[in-house]
Amino acid sequence: MRHTLLGLSAALACSFAAAPALAADTFPAKPITLVVPFAPGSATDQIGRAIAQGITEQTGTAVVIENKPGASAMIGAQYVARAQPDGYTVLITTNTTHAANEHLYKSLSYNPVKDYAPITLLGKGGQIMVVNPNAKATTVKQFLDEARANPGKLSFGSGSSSSRIAGELLQQMAGVQLLHVPYKSNPLAVTDLLGGQIDMMITDTATGLPQVKSGKLRALGVTGTKRSALAPDVPTIAEAGVPGYEMGYWFAAYAPAGTPEPLVKRLHELMVKATESNAAKQFYSSTGTDPVTSTPQELAAFQKDEAGKWGEIIKKAGIQPE
């Protein structure tokens, strides 16, 4: 009887050990949900939809985008952190949730390291400084001169940490004082900029550049170290009056902590290949985003380095955790 029980226990142990591998072999067997912690139309939403399409093309399985914006992306991040670790719920996010928020808030509703299984980087990009076409300023210098003449009266909006810190860094390096107006997502801030409720914002190129090309917004500068090939006439903020200025952002995918390694590996394979899909290529080329992927281990190391870097920027900017 004892040998029978031991044999049964061993068989059960083997079956449980084999379960994740077996699940990975048949994955996905149902729709995958990609959670975007920003509003529809944001750069993160755009890349999420491109990746979703790329995965569907590979598997024939539907991939659902679920937008959960708000609280500096913490609502969506927390949702995924608490989701079942079965591979069917994935966070498509940015440095906002996984590098900046821990320095911007005294407490988070999720742990950016312990609550997730890294999958892969998805891309890196720059931002663009925009104003309403009716604004007096037509250059970065003119905007800064007006800000110096009216301390605290000109406002800037932000719907992500990248956008906010870009504005905070501009104030710090240019020696100006602006009024910060927070939004749930960058497209919402753009709407108010179009309506004249705020004076300026520094947003991801994917969100801002289409508005510039349509004539609805005026571009003053880009945040990279070199001009964007998509807007070669727009100077860098560094060359336009703030030497040394630079600020970018990145996209990445994370599963809930505890997701079996075989499933993480399968998700990694699907997502890396999805970055080569036509939909993804269109996103990268139209937004000036560089396609960048990584192993889960490389993403974990990159995230650690980025958290340190963003912490330094936030500290130097004098931003106190809320």
Protein backbone atom coordinates (compact mmCIF):
# COMPACT_ATOMS: atom_id res chain seq x y z
CA MET A 1 0.00 0.00 0.00
CA ARG A 2 2.86 2.37 0.95
CA HIS A 3 4.60 1.73 -2.39
CA THR A 4 1.32 2.44 -4.19
CA LEU A 5 0.94 5.77 -2.40
CA LEU A 6 4.54 6.69 -3.12
CA GLY A 7 4.07 5.80 -6.74
CA LEU A 8 0.87 7.83 -6.92
CA SER A 9 2.58 10.82 -5.28
CA ALA A 10 5.46 10.63 -7.74
CA ALA A 11 3.05 10.42 -10.66
CA LEU A 12 1.12 13.44 -9.42
CA ALA A 13 4.34 15.40 -8.93
CA CYS A 14 5.42 14.60 -12.47
CA SER A 15 2.04 15.60 -13.86
CA PHE A 16 2.12 18.94 -12.04
CA ALA A 17 5.68 19.60 -13.23
CA ALA A 18 4.68 18.81 -16.80
CA ALA A 19 1.54 20.96 -16.65
CA PRO A 20 3.21 24.34 -17.40
CA ALA A 21 5.14 22.87 -20.31
CA LEU A 22 2.00 21.26 -21.68
CA ALA A 23 0.10 24.53 -21.25
CA ALA A 24 2.85 26.35 -23.14
CA ASP A 25 2.60 23.85 -25.99
CA THR A 26 -1.09 24.64 -26.48
CA PHE A 27 -0.87 28.34 -25.56
CA PRO A 28 -2.88 30.37 -26.36
CA ALA A 29 -6.03 28.28 -26.12
CA LYS A 30 -8.25 31.34 -25.55
CA PRO A 31 -8.05 35.13 -26.08
CA ILE A 32 -5.15 36.99 -24.45
CA THR A 33 -5.85 40.33 -22.76
CA LEU A 34 -3.26 43.06 -23.11
CA VAL A 35 -3.88 45.66 -20.41
CA VAL A 36 -2.83 49.21 -21.31
CA PRO A 37 -2.72 51.54 -18.27
CA PHE A 38 -3.31 54.60 -20.47
CA ALA A 39 -6.23 55.88 -22.53
CA PRO A 40 -7.09 54.83 -26.09
CA GLY A 41 -5.02 56.74 -28.63
CA SER A 42 -1.95 56.99 -26.40
CA ALA A 43 1.38 55.72 -27.71
CA THR A 44 1.18 52.74 -25.35
CA ASP A 45 -2.29 51.94 -26.66
CA GLN A 46 -1.03 52.17 -30.24
CA ILE A 47 1.89 49.81 -29.72
CA GLY A 48 -0.33 47.47 -27.72
CA ARG A 49 -2.77 47.20 -30.62
CA ALA A 50 0.07 46.61 -33.08
CA ILE A 51 1.50 43.83 -30.90
CA ALA A 52 -1.99 42.34 -30.47
CA GLN A 53 -2.43 42.16 -34.22
CA GLY A 54 0.99 40.57 -34.62
CA ILE A 55 0.16 37.86 -32.06
CA THR A 56 -3.20 37.13 -33.71
CA GLU A 57 -1.48 36.73 -37.07
CA GLN A 58 0.83 34.12 -35.55
CA THR A 59 -1.71 32.16 -33.52
CA GLY A 60 -5.12 32.80 -35.04
CA THR A 61 -6.31 33.62 -31.52
CA ALA A 62 -7.98 36.90 -30.61
CA VAL A 63 -6.04 39.38 -28.49
CA VAL A 64 -8.10 41.92 -26.55
CA ILE A 65 -6.90 45.39 -25.59
CA GLU A 66 -8.23 46.58 -22.25
CA ASN A 67 -7.53 50.22 -21.40
CA LYS A 68 -7.37 50.99 -17.67
CA PRO A 69 -6.06 54.56 -17.37
CA GLY A 70 -5.79 56.70 -14.28
CA ALA A 71 -3.72 57.35 -11.14
CA SER A 72 -0.49 57.69 -13.14
CA ALA A 73 -1.12 54.26 -14.70
CA MET A 74 -1.37 52.59 -11.29
CA ILE A 75 -4.91 51.32 -11.89
CA GLY A 76 -3.88 49.18 -14.85
CA ALA A 77 -0.62 48.10 -13.24
CA GLN A 78 -2.40 46.96 -10.08
CA TYR A 79 -5.00 45.08 -12.12
CA VAL A 80 -2.35 42.97 -13.83
CA ALA A 81 -0.38 42.46 -10.61
CA ARG A 82 -3.48 40.82 -9.12
CA ALA A 83 -4.47 38.85 -12.22
CA GLN A 84 -4.19 35.08 -12.55
CA PRO A 85 -0.60 34.16 -13.55
CA ASP A 86 -1.77 31.99 -16.43
CA GLY A 87 -0.30 33.95 -19.34
CA TYR A 88 -3.62 35.35 -20.48
CA THR A 89 -3.29 38.78 -18.86
CA VAL A 90 -0.27 40.91 -19.84
CA LEU A 91 0.65 44.50 -19.03
CA ILE A 92 1.81 46.67 -21.94
CA THR A 93 3.40 49.62 -20.17
CA THR A 94 6.20 52.16 -19.95
CA ASN A 95 8.77 53.62 -17.59
CA THR A 96 5.84 55.37 -15.86
CA THR A 97 4.80 52.26 -13.92
CA HIS A 98 8.17 50.49 -13.78
CA ALA A 99 10.77 53.20 -13.24
CA ALA A 100 9.23 56.54 -12.25
CA ASN A 101 6.18 55.97 -10.06
CA GLU A 102 8.19 54.49 -7.20
CA HIS A 103 9.95 57.86 -6.89
CA LEU A 104 6.84 60.00 -7.46
CA TYR A 105 4.57 58.42 -4.85
CA LYS A 106 5.07 57.57 -1.19
CA SER A 107 3.15 54.34 -1.63
CA LEU A 108 2.16 52.27 -4.65
CA SER A 109 -0.71 49.82 -5.08
CA TYR A 110 1.75 47.41 -6.71
CA ASN A 111 5.43 46.49 -6.49
CA PRO A 112 7.16 47.17 -9.85
CA VAL A 113 9.65 44.34 -9.26
CA LYS A 114 8.04 41.68 -7.07
CA ASP A 115 4.58 41.71 -8.68
CA TYR A 116 5.66 40.98 -12.27
CA ALA A 117 7.45 38.56 -14.54
CA PRO A 118 9.33 40.59 -17.19
CA ILE A 119 8.72 39.49 -20.80
CA THR A 120 10.44 41.88 -23.22
CA LEU A 121 11.17 45.46 -24.12
CA LEU A 122 9.04 46.63 -27.06
CA GLY A 123 10.60 49.94 -28.07
CA LYS A 124 12.19 53.25 -27.14
CA GLY A 125 11.21 56.73 -28.26
CA GLY A 126 11.46 60.48 -27.82
CA GLN A 127 9.01 63.27 -27.10
CA ILE A 128 7.96 66.55 -28.66
CA MET A 129 7.27 69.94 -27.06
CA VAL A 130 4.03 71.42 -28.43
CA VAL A 131 1.90 74.52 -27.97
CA ASN A 132 -1.38 75.79 -29.36
CA PRO A 133 -0.94 77.45 -32.80
CA ASN A 134 -2.36 80.66 -31.28
CA ALA A 135 0.41 80.83 -28.68
CA LYS A 136 2.78 83.78 -28.81
CA ALA A 137 5.86 81.57 -28.73
CA THR A 138 7.12 80.09 -31.98
CA THR A 139 10.40 78.84 -30.50
CA VAL A 140 11.56 77.20 -27.28
CA LYS A 141 13.47 80.39 -26.37
CA GLN A 142 10.39 82.55 -26.80
CA PHE A 143 8.32 80.24 -24.63
CA LEU A 144 10.98 80.25 -21.90
CA ASP A 145 11.34 84.04 -22.07
CA GLU A 146 7.58 84.38 -21.61
CA ALA A 147 7.70 81.91 -18.69
CA ARG A 148 10.49 83.88 -17.01
CA ALA A 149 8.47 87.07 -17.36
CA ASN A 150 5.40 85.38 -15.83
CA PRO A 151 6.59 82.95 -13.11
CA GLY A 152 4.04 80.22 -12.38
CA LYS A 153 1.45 81.57 -14.82
CA LEU A 154 2.15 79.41 -17.88
CA SER A 155 0.98 75.82 -17.52
CA PHE A 156 2.07 72.48 -18.87
CA GLY A 157 0.00 69.30 -18.95
CA SER A 158 1.11 65.69 -18.63
CA GLY A 159 -0.60 62.32 -18.78
CA SER A 160 2.41 60.11 -18.06
CA SER A 161 5.53 60.27 -15.95
CA SER A 162 7.66 60.68 -19.09
CA SER A 163 5.63 63.73 -20.03
CA ARG A 164 5.64 65.16 -16.52
CA ILE A 165 9.34 64.65 -15.86
CA ALA A 166 10.16 66.12 -19.26
CA GLY A 167 8.37 69.29 -18.17
CA GLU A 168 9.94 69.26 -14.72
CA LEU A 169 13.40 68.79 -16.21
CA LEU A 170 12.80 71.70 -18.59
CA GLN A 171 11.92 73.95 -15.66
CA GLN A 172 14.98 72.83 -13.73
CA MET A 173 17.47 73.25 -16.58
CA ALA A 174 15.97 76.46 -17.99
CA GLY A 175 15.35 78.13 -14.64
CA VAL A 176 11.64 78.76 -15.17
CA GLN A 177 8.52 78.14 -13.08
CA LEU A 178 5.49 76.52 -14.73
CA LEU A 179 2.16 75.30 -13.36
CA HIS A 180 1.80 71.51 -13.72
CA VAL A 181 -1.65 70.15 -14.68
CA PRO A 182 -1.96 66.33 -14.43
CA TYR A 183 -4.12 64.18 -16.72
CA LYS A 184 -5.03 60.49 -16.88
CA SER A 185 -3.35 60.15 -20.27
CA ASN A 186 -1.51 62.30 -22.79
CA PRO A 187 -4.34 62.38 -25.38
CA LEU A 188 -6.58 64.01 -22.73
CA ALA A 189 -3.94 66.67 -22.13
CA VAL A 190 -3.65 67.23 -25.89
CA THR A 191 -7.40 67.84 -26.02
CA ASP A 192 -7.10 70.63 -23.44
CA LEU A 193 -4.04 72.05 -25.22
CA LEU A 194 -6.08 72.19 -28.43
CA GLY A 195 -8.80 74.00 -26.51
CA GLY A 196 -6.41 76.49 -24.92
CA GLN A 197 -6.92 75.28 -21.33
CA ILE A 198 -3.17 74.66 -20.90
CA ASP A 199 -0.20 76.41 -22.50
CA MET A 200 2.24 73.63 -23.35
CA MET A 201 3.01 69.95 -23.04
CA ILE A 202 5.87 67.60 -23.86
CA THR A 203 4.27 64.41 -25.14
CA ASP A 204 5.30 61.23 -26.88
CA THR A 205 5.83 61.72 -30.61
CA ALA A 206 3.13 59.15 -31.42
CA THR A 207 0.52 61.36 -29.73
CA GLY A 208 1.84 64.83 -30.61
CA LEU A 209 3.27 64.57 -34.11
CA PRO A 210 -0.03 63.83 -35.92
CA GLN A 211 -1.50 66.98 -34.36
CA VAL A 212 1.52 68.96 -35.54
CA LYS A 213 1.34 67.60 -39.07
CA SER A 214 -2.36 68.45 -39.26
CA GLY A 215 -1.64 72.02 -38.15
CA LYS A 216 -3.61 71.72 -34.91
CA LEU A 217 -0.51 72.12 -32.72
CA ARG A 218 2.82 73.88 -33.12
CA ALA A 219 6.04 71.99 -32.40
CA LEU A 220 8.81 73.88 -30.62
CA GLY A 221 11.36 71.13 -30.02
CA VAL A 222 12.07 67.43 -29.60
CA THR A 223 13.60 65.84 -26.52
CA GLY A 224 16.22 63.61 -28.13
CA THR A 225 19.89 64.30 -28.74
CA LYS A 226 19.21 64.59 -32.47
CA ARG A 227 16.34 65.79 -34.62
CA SER A 228 13.60 63.35 -35.54
CA ALA A 229 13.59 62.05 -39.09
CA LEU A 230 9.82 62.52 -39.02
CA ALA A 231 10.13 66.23 -38.17
CA PRO A 232 13.57 67.34 -39.42
CA ASP A 233 12.64 71.04 -39.25
CA VAL A 234 11.95 70.84 -35.52
CA PRO A 235 15.12 71.48 -33.46
CA THR A 236 16.09 69.56 -30.36
CA ILE A 237 15.28 71.39 -27.14
CA ALA A 238 19.01 71.28 -26.41
CA GLU A 239 19.91 73.19 -29.56
CA ALA A 240 16.91 75.49 -29.20
CA GLY A 241 18.04 77.01 -25.93
CA VAL A 242 18.47 74.40 -23.18
CA PRO A 243 21.93 72.80 -23.67
CA GLY A 244 22.19 69.21 -22.45
CA TYR A 245 18.44 68.62 -22.31
CA GLU A 246 17.36 65.04 -23.13
CA MET A 247 14.37 62.88 -22.17
CA GLY A 248 12.91 59.70 -23.66
CA TYR A 249 10.63 56.79 -22.81
CA TRP A 250 10.31 53.04 -23.34
CA PHE A 251 7.67 50.36 -23.76
CA ALA A 252 7.73 46.85 -22.25
CA ALA A 253 5.54 43.82 -21.53
CA TYR A 254 5.08 42.14 -18.14
CA ALA A 255 3.06 39.16 -16.92
CA PRO A 256 1.90 38.74 -13.31
CA ALA A 257 4.50 37.31 -10.92
CA GLY A 258 4.24 33.55 -10.65
CA THR A 259 3.53 33.02 -14.35
CA PRO A 260 5.25 29.70 -15.21
CA GLU A 261 8.54 30.14 -17.03
CA PRO A 262 7.42 28.13 -20.08
CA LEU A 263 4.49 30.52 -20.54
CA VAL A 264 6.74 33.57 -20.13
CA LYS A 265 9.04 32.07 -22.77
CA ARG A 266 6.09 31.49 -25.11
CA LEU A 267 4.82 35.06 -24.60
CA HIS A 268 8.32 36.34 -25.24
CA GLU A 269 8.52 34.44 -28.54
CA LEU A 270 5.11 35.71 -29.66
CA MET A 271 5.79 39.33 -28.73
CA VAL A 272 9.29 39.55 -30.19
CA LYS A 273 7.96 38.16 -33.47
CA ALA A 274 4.98 40.54 -33.25
CA THR A 275 7.38 43.52 -33.30
CA GLU A 276 8.28 42.43 -36.83
CA SER A 277 4.65 42.44 -38.04
CA ASN A 278 3.44 45.00 -40.56
CA ALA A 279 1.28 46.67 -37.90
CA ALA A 280 4.27 47.08 -35.58
CA LYS A 281 6.53 48.30 -38.37
CA GLN A 282 3.90 50.91 -39.24
CA PHE A 283 3.78 52.05 -35.61
CA TYR A 284 7.57 52.32 -35.33
CA SER A 285 8.04 54.14 -38.63
CA SER A 286 5.15 56.56 -38.16
CA THR A 287 6.04 57.54 -34.59
CA GLY A 288 9.82 57.59 -34.70
CA THR A 289 9.97 54.83 -32.10
CA ASP A 290 12.97 52.50 -32.25
CA PRO A 291 12.02 48.80 -32.20
CA VAL A 292 13.89 47.28 -29.25
CA THR A 293 13.34 43.81 -27.74
CA SER A 294 15.11 41.93 -24.94
CA THR A 295 15.18 38.74 -22.95
CA PRO A 296 13.20 38.72 -19.69
CA GLN A 297 16.50 38.88 -17.79
CA GLU A 298 17.71 41.84 -19.85
CA LEU A 299 14.44 43.67 -19.20
CA ALA A 300 14.78 43.11 -15.44
CA ALA A 301 18.31 44.54 -15.47
CA PHE A 302 17.30 47.43 -17.74
CA GLN A 303 14.34 48.26 -15.47
CA LYS A 304 16.63 48.36 -12.42
CA ASP A 305 19.01 50.77 -14.16
CA GLU A 306 16.15 52.95 -15.41
CA ALA A 307 14.56 53.15 -11.97
CA GLY A 308 17.85 54.50 -10.64
CA LYS A 309 18.16 57.00 -13.48
CA TRP A 310 14.59 58.26 -13.16
CA GLY A 311 15.01 58.54 -9.42
CA GLU A 312 18.02 60.82 -9.93
CA ILE A 313 16.11 63.05 -12.39
CA ILE A 314 13.12 63.33 -10.07
CA LYS A 315 15.32 64.09 -7.07
CA LYS A 316 17.27 66.77 -8.92
CA ALA A 317 14.01 68.29 -10.14
CA GLY A 318 13.03 68.72 -6.49
CA ILE A 319 9.79 66.75 -6.90
CA GLN A 320 8.45 65.55 -3.56
CA PRO A 321 6.64 62.16 -3.52
CA GLU A 322 2.90 62.60 -3.27
